[in-house]
Amino acid sequence: MAEQVAKGLFCLDPGGCSAYYSAMTLKSAAVFALIGMALASFLAAAVFLRDLSGMIGGAVAEVEFVKSSILLLAALSLTVFFFVFHRAQR
């Protein structure tokens, strides 16, 4: 059993062990997360620009602008993290 886990096989049934290979590696999971966070960052940037133009025009409260800027900062930080994490994988 320990040899199977070391080879990447997973035993789901304690009575009988069948071979399952993990199709998603850590590098492909990092790419998938990076793509998702890049899309989320793009959306957060669009909301930030909308709130910025609304605040300049006086239609949006400053609190909403601060909220969207925090959201944009968090999204960009996670995007950079996933990019660096992807580059660190072999």
Protein backbone atom coordinates (compact mmCIF):
# COMPACT_ATOMS: atom_id res chain seq x y z
CA MET A 1 0.00 0.00 0.00
CA ALA A 2 2.77 2.46 0.91
CA GLU A 3 4.53 1.73 -2.38
CA GLN A 4 1.31 2.44 -4.29
CA VAL A 5 0.82 5.78 -2.57
CA ALA A 6 4.44 6.69 -3.29
CA LYS A 7 3.91 5.89 -6.99
CA GLY A 8 0.85 8.16 -7.17
CA LEU A 9 -1.79 5.42 -6.83
CA PHE A 10 -4.71 5.97 -4.50
CA CYS A 11 -6.63 3.27 -2.68
CA LEU A 12 -10.26 4.30 -2.22
CA ASP A 13 -11.63 0.99 -1.00
CA PRO A 14 -9.96 -0.48 2.11
CA GLY A 15 -10.97 -4.02 1.05
CA GLY A 16 -9.48 -3.93 -2.42
CA CYS A 17 -7.16 -1.40 -3.88
CA SER A 18 -7.52 -0.30 -7.49
CA ALA A 19 -5.15 1.99 -9.32
CA TYR A 20 -6.17 5.60 -9.87
CA TYR A 21 -3.71 7.99 -11.39
CA SER A 22 -4.02 11.63 -10.55
CA ALA A 23 -4.51 13.50 -13.80
CA MET A 24 -3.85 16.91 -12.26
CA THR A 25 -0.33 17.60 -11.10
CA LEU A 26 0.61 20.43 -8.80
CA LYS A 27 1.95 22.43 -11.74
CA SER A 28 -1.27 22.07 -13.74
CA ALA A 29 -3.31 23.00 -10.66
CA ALA A 30 -1.16 26.11 -10.27
CA VAL A 31 -1.80 27.05 -13.91
CA PHE A 32 -5.52 26.51 -13.44
CA ALA A 33 -5.53 28.71 -10.30
CA LEU A 34 -3.45 31.34 -12.09
CA ILE A 35 -5.90 31.53 -14.99
CA GLY A 36 -8.86 31.80 -12.61
CA MET A 37 -7.21 34.53 -10.55
CA ALA A 38 -6.19 36.44 -13.67
CA LEU A 39 -9.82 36.50 -14.75
CA ALA A 40 -10.92 37.54 -11.26
CA SER A 41 -8.28 40.28 -11.25
CA PHE A 42 -9.54 41.55 -14.60
CA LEU A 43 -13.06 41.72 -13.19
CA ALA A 44 -11.84 43.45 -10.02
CA ALA A 45 -9.96 46.00 -12.14
CA ALA A 46 -13.11 46.71 -14.15
CA VAL A 47 -15.10 47.26 -10.95
CA PHE A 48 -12.32 49.47 -9.59
CA LEU A 49 -12.34 51.64 -12.71
CA ARG A 50 -16.13 51.86 -12.62
CA ASP A 51 -16.08 52.94 -8.98
CA LEU A 52 -13.24 55.39 -9.62
CA SER A 53 -15.12 57.10 -12.41
CA GLY A 54 -18.28 57.07 -10.30
CA MET A 55 -16.48 58.60 -7.35
CA ILE A 56 -14.99 61.32 -9.52
CA GLY A 57 -18.47 62.08 -10.85
CA GLY A 58 -19.97 62.03 -7.36
CA ALA A 59 -22.24 59.06 -7.98
CA VAL A 60 -20.40 56.48 -5.84
CA ALA A 61 -19.51 56.83 -2.18
CA GLU A 62 -15.87 56.80 -1.15
CA VAL A 63 -16.45 53.68 0.93
CA GLU A 64 -17.34 51.70 -2.21
CA PHE A 65 -14.17 52.95 -3.87
CA VAL A 66 -12.09 51.83 -0.89
CA LYS A 67 -13.82 48.46 -0.93
CA SER A 68 -13.12 47.92 -4.63
CA SER A 69 -9.48 49.03 -4.22
CA ILE A 70 -8.98 46.49 -1.40
CA LEU A 71 -10.59 43.81 -3.57
CA LEU A 72 -8.29 44.72 -6.48
CA LEU A 73 -5.21 44.63 -4.25
CA ALA A 74 -6.15 41.20 -2.90
CA ALA A 75 -6.86 39.82 -6.38
CA LEU A 76 -3.59 41.13 -7.79
CA SER A 77 -1.66 39.78 -4.80
CA LEU A 78 -3.11 36.31 -5.27
CA THR A 79 -2.42 36.45 -8.99
CA VAL A 80 1.24 37.26 -8.33
CA PHE A 81 1.38 34.49 -5.72
CA PHE A 82 0.01 31.90 -8.13
CA PHE A 83 2.38 33.09 -10.86
CA VAL A 84 5.39 32.70 -8.57
CA PHE A 85 4.06 29.37 -7.29
CA HIS A 86 3.64 28.13 -10.87
CA ARG A 87 7.18 29.19 -11.77
CA ALA A 88 8.56 27.38 -8.69
CA GLN A 89 7.04 24.03 -9.72
CA ARG A 90 9.20 21.72 -11.77
